[in-house]
N, C-alpha and C. Protein backbone atom coordinates (compact mmCIF):
# COMPACT_ATOMS: atom_id res chain seq x y z
N MET A 1 -142.98 10.62 -32.56
CA MET A 1 -141.66 10.41 -31.95
C MET A 1 -141.30 8.86 -31.64
N THR A 2 -142.12 8.20 -31.17
CA THR A 2 -141.96 6.90 -30.80
C THR A 2 -141.69 6.05 -32.07
N ASP A 3 -142.40 6.46 -33.20
CA ASP A 3 -142.17 5.48 -34.33
C ASP A 3 -140.91 5.85 -34.99
N VAL A 4 -140.27 6.98 -34.77
CA VAL A 4 -139.13 7.40 -35.16
C VAL A 4 -138.05 6.63 -34.56
N ARG A 5 -137.98 6.65 -33.07
CA ARG A 5 -137.11 5.92 -32.19
C ARG A 5 -137.33 4.47 -32.60
N ASP A 6 -138.46 3.88 -32.76
CA ASP A 6 -138.53 2.61 -33.07
C ASP A 6 -137.76 2.10 -34.36
N ALA A 7 -138.02 3.02 -35.34
CA ALA A 7 -137.40 2.92 -36.77
C ALA A 7 -135.86 2.76 -36.41
N ARG A 8 -135.46 3.63 -35.72
CA ARG A 8 -133.98 3.90 -35.37
C ARG A 8 -133.45 2.86 -34.82
N ARG A 9 -134.19 2.13 -33.75
CA ARG A 9 -133.66 0.93 -33.05
C ARG A 9 -133.65 -0.31 -33.97
N LYS A 10 -134.58 -0.43 -34.84
CA LYS A 10 -134.64 -1.55 -35.84
C LYS A 10 -133.45 -1.47 -36.64
N ARG A 11 -133.33 -0.34 -37.14
CA ARG A 11 -132.06 -0.11 -37.99
C ARG A 11 -130.73 -0.58 -37.35
N LEU A 12 -130.70 0.01 -36.09
CA LEU A 12 -129.39 -0.20 -35.26
C LEU A 12 -129.28 -1.75 -34.93
N TYR A 13 -130.46 -2.60 -34.71
CA TYR A 13 -130.48 -3.97 -34.51
C TYR A 13 -129.77 -4.71 -35.63
N TYR A 14 -130.32 -4.25 -36.93
CA TYR A 14 -129.80 -4.92 -38.18
C TYR A 14 -128.56 -4.62 -38.34
N ARG A 15 -127.99 -3.42 -38.15
CA ARG A 15 -126.62 -3.32 -38.28
C ARG A 15 -125.81 -4.10 -37.50
N SER A 16 -126.34 -4.41 -36.15
CA SER A 16 -125.56 -5.02 -34.91
C SER A 16 -125.36 -6.38 -35.44
N THR A 17 -126.42 -6.93 -36.34
CA THR A 17 -126.22 -8.40 -36.66
C THR A 17 -125.50 -8.71 -37.87
N TYR A 18 -125.32 -7.54 -38.55
CA TYR A 18 -124.47 -7.90 -39.98
C TYR A 18 -123.40 -6.68 -39.96
N THR A 19 -122.44 -7.00 -39.10
CA THR A 19 -121.27 -6.02 -38.98
C THR A 19 -120.20 -6.49 -39.95
N GLY A 20 -119.97 -7.51 -40.27
CA GLY A 20 -118.77 -7.96 -41.20
C GLY A 20 -118.02 -9.34 -40.62
N THR A 21 -118.24 -9.61 -39.28
CA THR A 21 -117.50 -10.78 -39.04
C THR A 21 -118.69 -11.42 -38.01
N LYS A 22 -118.51 -12.92 -37.98
CA LYS A 22 -119.67 -13.53 -37.21
C LYS A 22 -119.49 -13.25 -35.65
N GLU A 23 -118.27 -13.02 -35.09
CA GLU A 23 -118.06 -12.87 -33.77
C GLU A 23 -118.74 -11.69 -33.22
N THR A 24 -118.53 -10.66 -34.03
CA THR A 24 -118.92 -9.27 -33.83
C THR A 24 -120.57 -9.27 -33.99
N ASP A 25 -120.94 -9.81 -34.98
CA ASP A 25 -122.37 -10.18 -35.10
C ASP A 25 -123.04 -10.74 -33.92
N VAL A 26 -122.47 -11.87 -33.48
CA VAL A 26 -123.07 -12.35 -32.31
C VAL A 26 -123.02 -11.48 -31.01
N LEU A 27 -122.03 -11.02 -30.77
CA LEU A 27 -121.74 -9.97 -29.57
C LEU A 27 -122.71 -8.77 -29.76
N LEU A 28 -122.62 -8.11 -30.70
CA LEU A 28 -123.44 -6.93 -30.80
C LEU A 28 -124.98 -7.12 -31.07
N GLY A 29 -125.13 -8.28 -31.84
CA GLY A 29 -126.63 -8.65 -31.93
C GLY A 29 -127.13 -9.03 -30.63
N GLY A 30 -126.46 -9.69 -29.91
CA GLY A 30 -127.04 -10.16 -28.58
C GLY A 30 -127.31 -8.92 -27.76
N PHE A 31 -126.17 -8.12 -27.55
CA PHE A 31 -126.32 -6.67 -26.89
C PHE A 31 -127.45 -5.89 -27.37
N ALA A 32 -127.62 -5.62 -28.61
CA ALA A 32 -128.78 -4.92 -29.29
C ALA A 32 -130.04 -5.60 -28.87
N ALA A 33 -130.15 -6.77 -28.93
CA ALA A 33 -131.53 -7.50 -28.58
C ALA A 33 -131.92 -7.31 -27.07
N ARG A 34 -130.88 -7.17 -26.32
CA ARG A 34 -131.14 -7.01 -24.86
C ARG A 34 -131.17 -5.64 -24.44
N HIS A 35 -130.36 -4.59 -25.00
CA HIS A 35 -130.22 -3.50 -24.49
C HIS A 35 -130.68 -2.28 -25.47
N LEU A 36 -131.11 -2.24 -26.60
CA LEU A 36 -131.44 -1.13 -27.51
C LEU A 36 -132.81 -0.45 -26.77
N THR A 37 -133.69 -1.06 -26.33
CA THR A 37 -134.80 -0.29 -25.91
C THR A 37 -134.69 0.34 -24.56
N ASP A 38 -133.58 0.09 -23.94
CA ASP A 38 -133.19 0.82 -22.63
C ASP A 38 -132.22 2.12 -22.84
N LEU A 39 -131.95 2.06 -24.00
CA LEU A 39 -130.92 3.28 -24.47
C LEU A 39 -131.75 4.56 -24.79
N ASP A 40 -131.13 5.65 -24.13
CA ASP A 40 -131.87 6.87 -24.52
C ASP A 40 -131.32 7.46 -25.81
N ASP A 41 -131.74 8.72 -26.20
CA ASP A 41 -131.17 9.20 -27.42
C ASP A 41 -129.80 9.37 -27.45
N GLN A 42 -129.13 9.98 -26.53
CA GLN A 42 -127.79 10.15 -26.61
C GLN A 42 -127.04 8.74 -26.76
N GLN A 43 -127.32 7.90 -25.90
CA GLN A 43 -126.76 6.53 -25.93
C GLN A 43 -126.87 5.91 -27.36
N LEU A 44 -128.16 6.09 -27.95
CA LEU A 44 -128.27 5.58 -29.29
C LEU A 44 -127.39 6.25 -30.42
N ALA A 45 -127.13 7.55 -30.12
CA ALA A 45 -126.10 8.21 -31.12
C ALA A 45 -124.70 7.70 -30.85
N ASP A 46 -124.46 7.31 -29.59
CA ASP A 46 -123.14 6.84 -29.24
C ASP A 46 -123.07 5.44 -29.95
N TYR A 47 -124.05 4.63 -29.82
CA TYR A 47 -123.91 3.43 -30.47
C TYR A 47 -123.89 3.51 -31.84
N GLU A 48 -124.58 4.35 -32.67
CA GLU A 48 -124.53 4.53 -34.00
C GLU A 48 -123.14 4.96 -34.36
N LYS A 49 -122.34 5.72 -33.59
CA LYS A 49 -121.06 6.09 -33.91
C LYS A 49 -120.26 4.99 -33.73
N LEU A 50 -120.39 4.09 -32.73
CA LEU A 50 -119.46 2.89 -32.66
C LEU A 50 -119.76 1.95 -33.85
N LEU A 51 -120.95 1.88 -34.37
CA LEU A 51 -121.06 1.02 -35.49
C LEU A 51 -120.45 1.38 -36.80
N GLU A 52 -120.03 2.63 -36.73
CA GLU A 52 -119.32 3.18 -38.00
C GLU A 52 -117.82 2.57 -37.95
N ILE A 53 -117.40 2.18 -36.96
CA ILE A 53 -115.93 1.80 -36.63
C ILE A 53 -115.75 0.55 -37.35
N ASP A 54 -114.42 0.33 -37.95
CA ASP A 54 -114.27 -0.75 -38.75
C ASP A 54 -114.32 -2.19 -37.68
N ASP A 55 -114.74 -3.24 -38.31
CA ASP A 55 -115.29 -4.29 -37.35
C ASP A 55 -114.17 -4.82 -36.53
N PRO A 56 -113.07 -5.11 -37.00
CA PRO A 56 -111.90 -5.66 -36.12
C PRO A 56 -111.54 -4.67 -34.98
N ARG A 57 -111.33 -3.54 -35.23
CA ARG A 57 -111.07 -2.59 -34.06
C ARG A 57 -112.27 -2.49 -33.16
N LEU A 58 -113.58 -2.40 -33.60
CA LEU A 58 -114.70 -2.37 -32.66
C LEU A 58 -114.71 -3.79 -31.83
N TYR A 59 -114.32 -4.79 -32.45
CA TYR A 59 -114.43 -6.01 -31.63
C TYR A 59 -113.28 -5.79 -30.62
N LYS A 60 -112.18 -5.47 -30.83
CA LYS A 60 -111.16 -5.25 -29.95
C LYS A 60 -111.57 -4.37 -28.69
N TRP A 61 -112.10 -3.31 -28.92
CA TRP A 61 -112.73 -2.31 -28.02
C TRP A 61 -113.55 -3.16 -27.16
N ALA A 62 -114.70 -3.74 -27.85
CA ALA A 62 -115.82 -4.35 -27.08
C ALA A 62 -115.26 -5.44 -26.14
N THR A 63 -114.43 -6.11 -26.55
CA THR A 63 -113.66 -7.17 -25.71
C THR A 63 -112.72 -6.69 -24.90
N SER A 64 -112.34 -5.39 -24.87
CA SER A 64 -111.21 -5.00 -24.00
C SER A 64 -109.94 -5.29 -24.39
N GLN A 65 -109.81 -5.82 -25.51
CA GLN A 65 -108.40 -6.09 -26.06
C GLN A 65 -107.51 -5.03 -26.50
N GLU A 66 -108.15 -3.70 -26.92
CA GLU A 66 -107.58 -2.66 -27.08
C GLU A 66 -108.34 -1.44 -26.14
N THR A 67 -107.71 -0.34 -25.93
CA THR A 67 -108.23 0.90 -25.42
C THR A 67 -108.82 1.86 -26.44
N PRO A 68 -110.07 2.04 -26.21
CA PRO A 68 -110.61 3.00 -27.48
C PRO A 68 -110.08 4.55 -27.17
N PRO A 69 -110.13 5.22 -28.36
CA PRO A 69 -109.97 6.89 -27.92
C PRO A 69 -111.01 7.27 -27.04
N PRO A 70 -110.58 8.40 -26.32
CA PRO A 70 -111.58 9.11 -25.42
C PRO A 70 -113.03 9.18 -25.99
N GLU A 71 -113.02 9.66 -27.22
CA GLU A 71 -114.27 9.93 -27.69
C GLU A 71 -115.28 8.79 -27.94
N TYR A 72 -114.85 7.62 -28.07
CA TYR A 72 -115.59 6.39 -28.15
C TYR A 72 -115.69 5.67 -26.76
N ASP A 73 -114.98 6.10 -25.89
CA ASP A 73 -115.14 5.31 -24.60
C ASP A 73 -116.42 5.92 -23.95
N THR A 74 -117.54 5.48 -24.17
CA THR A 74 -118.67 5.94 -23.67
C THR A 74 -119.51 5.11 -22.76
N SER A 75 -120.47 5.34 -22.26
CA SER A 75 -121.31 4.50 -21.45
C SER A 75 -121.66 3.20 -22.16
N VAL A 76 -122.02 3.50 -23.50
CA VAL A 76 -122.68 2.31 -24.19
C VAL A 76 -121.57 1.34 -24.54
N LEU A 77 -120.30 1.83 -24.84
CA LEU A 77 -119.06 0.95 -24.88
C LEU A 77 -118.96 0.08 -23.60
N ARG A 78 -119.05 1.06 -22.51
CA ARG A 78 -118.81 0.10 -21.30
C ARG A 78 -120.00 -0.89 -21.01
N LEU A 79 -121.31 -0.55 -21.48
CA LEU A 79 -122.29 -1.75 -21.28
C LEU A 79 -121.91 -2.90 -22.26
N ILE A 80 -121.31 -2.54 -23.53
CA ILE A 80 -120.96 -3.68 -24.33
C ILE A 80 -119.94 -4.41 -23.77
N GLN A 81 -118.96 -3.97 -23.12
CA GLN A 81 -117.86 -4.61 -22.57
C GLN A 81 -118.39 -5.55 -21.33
N ALA A 82 -119.50 -4.99 -20.67
CA ALA A 82 -119.81 -5.64 -19.65
C ALA A 82 -120.94 -6.67 -19.93
N PHE A 83 -121.49 -6.68 -21.17
CA PHE A 83 -122.37 -7.78 -21.64
C PHE A 83 -121.91 -9.03 -21.52
N GLU A 84 -122.63 -9.95 -21.03
CA GLU A 84 -122.38 -11.34 -20.91
C GLU A 84 -123.37 -12.09 -22.00
N LEU A 85 -122.85 -12.69 -23.02
CA LEU A 85 -123.60 -13.09 -23.93
C LEU A 85 -123.82 -14.63 -23.53
N VAL A 86 -124.97 -15.12 -23.19
CA VAL A 86 -125.34 -16.45 -22.79
C VAL A 86 -125.92 -17.26 -23.98
N THR A 87 -125.27 -18.22 -24.38
CA THR A 87 -125.54 -19.27 -25.19
C THR A 87 -125.58 -20.51 -24.82
N ASP A 88 -126.79 -21.26 -25.42
CA ASP A 88 -127.05 -22.58 -25.10
C ASP A 88 -126.55 -23.68 -26.08
């Protein structure tokens, strides 16, 4: 089971860093690097669902520029919204 979960996390990390726009790649790539290992199976499923959203809309939800529909307003989205990307 761990191998399956690790493969899933690797796939999600890759998808997080190649979303379509650089801003979203940086935000979600940083989030994924920091939080993917901490997410449980339901949270991973919620994150996968978020990654299926078109990039501009997802970025607006992640940066709290737009309110997401209730089915996307999950604990994972709130983690993304609270994530502080630290760059040097």
